[in-house]
Protein backbone atom coordinates (compact mmCIF):
# COMPACT_ATOMS: atom_id res chain seq x y z
CA MET A 1 -2.61 1.32 -1.04
CA GLU A 2 -4.02 -1.98 -2.19
CA LYS A 3 0.01 -4.31 -4.00
CA LYS A 4 0.05 -4.09 -7.65
CA SER A 5 2.66 -5.27 -9.50
CA THR A 6 5.76 -4.28 -11.09
CA ALA A 7 3.86 -4.23 -14.27
CA GLU A 8 1.29 -2.22 -12.99
CA LEU A 9 3.83 -0.10 -11.89
CA LYS A 10 5.46 0.57 -15.16
CA LYS A 11 2.38 1.40 -16.35
CA SER A 12 0.92 3.83 -13.80
CA ARG A 13 2.04 7.40 -13.34
CA CYS A 14 2.38 9.34 -9.75
CA VAL A 15 -0.03 11.62 -8.57
CA PRO A 16 0.76 14.42 -7.00
CA CYS A 17 1.41 14.72 -3.00
CA GLU A 18 0.86 18.08 -1.08
CA GLY A 19 0.85 16.14 2.41
CA GLY A 20 -2.74 15.84 4.19
CA VAL A 21 -2.77 11.83 3.22
CA GLU A 22 -0.72 9.33 5.84
CA PRO A 23 2.29 7.21 4.62
CA MET A 24 2.23 3.51 3.92
CA THR A 25 2.57 1.23 7.12
CA VAL A 26 6.01 -0.79 6.98
CA ASP A 27 3.64 -3.31 6.77
CA GLN A 28 2.26 -2.32 4.00
CA ALA A 29 5.17 -1.33 2.50
CA ARG A 30 6.95 -4.28 3.26
CA ALA A 31 4.07 -6.00 0.90
CA GLN A 32 4.67 -3.99 -1.81
CA LEU A 33 8.13 -4.87 -1.10
CA GLU A 34 7.73 -8.20 -3.25
CA GLU A 35 7.87 -7.31 -6.34
CA LEU A 36 10.78 -4.58 -6.52
CA PRO A 37 12.94 -8.06 -4.47
CA ARG A 38 15.88 -5.91 -4.92
CA TRP A 39 14.74 -2.87 -3.19
CA GLU A 40 14.73 -2.55 0.94
CA LEU A 41 13.79 -0.54 2.85
CA VAL A 42 15.77 2.26 4.89
CA ASP A 43 15.28 4.68 7.49
CA GLU A 44 12.49 3.29 9.91
CA GLY A 45 9.96 2.09 6.93
CA LYS A 46 10.47 5.48 5.22
CA ARG A 47 12.37 5.09 2.44
CA ILE A 48 13.63 2.19 -0.37
CA ARG A 49 16.26 1.81 -1.54
CA ARG A 50 18.37 0.57 -3.87
CA SER A 51 22.64 0.41 -4.49
CA TRP A 52 24.43 -1.04 -8.03
CA MET A 53 27.52 -1.58 -9.15
CA ALA A 54 28.10 1.53 -12.61
CA THR A 55 31.62 -0.40 -14.65
CA ASN A 56 33.05 3.31 -14.02
CA PHE A 57 32.10 6.43 -13.31
CA VAL A 58 31.11 7.71 -16.68
CA GLN A 59 28.51 4.81 -16.42
CA ALA A 60 26.90 6.00 -13.37
CA ILE A 61 26.75 9.33 -14.37
CA ALA A 62 24.85 8.25 -17.44
CA PHE A 63 22.47 6.38 -15.21
CA PHE A 64 21.76 9.09 -12.47
CA ASP A 65 20.86 11.30 -16.24
CA LYS A 66 17.81 8.49 -17.37
CA VAL A 67 17.88 7.68 -13.65
CA ALA A 68 16.42 12.21 -13.02
CA GLU A 69 14.79 11.92 -16.91
CA ILE A 70 12.01 9.38 -15.66
CA ALA A 71 12.10 12.32 -12.14
CA GLU A 72 11.07 14.59 -13.72
CA ASP A 73 9.03 13.73 -16.29
CA GLU A 74 6.84 11.87 -12.57
CA GLY A 75 7.13 15.11 -10.43
CA HIS A 76 9.16 12.84 -7.87
CA HIS A 77 12.70 13.15 -7.86
CA PRO A 78 14.90 10.64 -5.96
CA ASP A 79 18.19 11.25 -3.48
CA LEU A 80 20.92 10.24 -5.82
CA HIS A 81 24.44 8.76 -4.33
CA LEU A 82 27.41 8.08 -5.61
CA THR A 83 30.47 6.94 -4.14
CA SER A 84 33.53 5.08 -4.02
CA TYR A 85 33.47 6.30 -8.29
CA ARG A 86 31.30 3.83 -9.26
CA GLU A 87 28.85 2.99 -6.47
CA VAL A 88 25.61 4.68 -7.06
CA ALA A 89 21.97 3.74 -4.94
CA VAL A 90 18.48 6.01 -5.42
CA GLU A 91 16.64 6.46 -2.17
CA LEU A 92 12.86 7.51 -2.22
CA TRP A 93 9.91 8.77 -0.23
CA THR A 94 7.52 11.09 -0.34
CA HIS A 95 9.07 14.64 1.52
CA ALA A 96 5.22 15.88 1.52
CA ILE A 97 3.99 12.97 4.08
CA GLY A 98 7.46 11.96 5.61
CA GLY A 99 7.45 8.20 4.65
CA LEU A 100 5.84 6.18 1.38
CA SER A 101 3.83 6.48 -0.72
CA GLU A 102 2.33 4.70 -4.19
CA ASN A 103 4.58 7.66 -5.85
CA ASP A 104 8.02 5.45 -4.63
CA PHE A 105 7.12 2.83 -5.61
CA ILE A 106 6.23 3.97 -9.30
CA VAL A 107 9.29 5.76 -9.54
CA ALA A 108 11.25 2.72 -8.41
CA ALA A 109 9.65 -0.13 -10.89
CA LYS A 110 10.93 2.63 -14.17
CA ILE A 111 13.94 3.09 -12.60
CA GLU A 112 14.86 -1.18 -12.12
CA GLY A 113 13.22 -1.32 -15.78
CA LEU A 114 15.97 1.25 -16.61
CA ALA A 115 19.39 -0.45 -14.54
CA GLU A 116 19.20 -3.32 -15.71
CA GLU A 117 19.27 -1.69 -19.71
CA ALA A 118 21.69 1.01 -18.50
CA LEU A 119 23.83 -0.80 -16.06
CA GLY A 120 23.79 -4.00 -17.43
């Protein structure tokens, strides 16, 4: 994957992935994360993750509802984590290939924009 700007990622659409393609290398993922600096590589470079602190439980759940809308629209679904009643985290990877694809960064970029609005 060629590195894309955050604006390019936000304008992109996820492409269905049924496997059969190689996941990104750790170096490719690190390069792309330069555009999403608040996200981090986890699980030995196979996933990306970002955490936020919501004001309260209701705001946390409302954020997840909006993330779900993005995920459904893109056909690419993250893992959502809620701990301590208001700490939210999103984890992305392409299940079919067991690692990262461009789809993960597209959804991350869209969630990043949403988070600024939904969580302040």
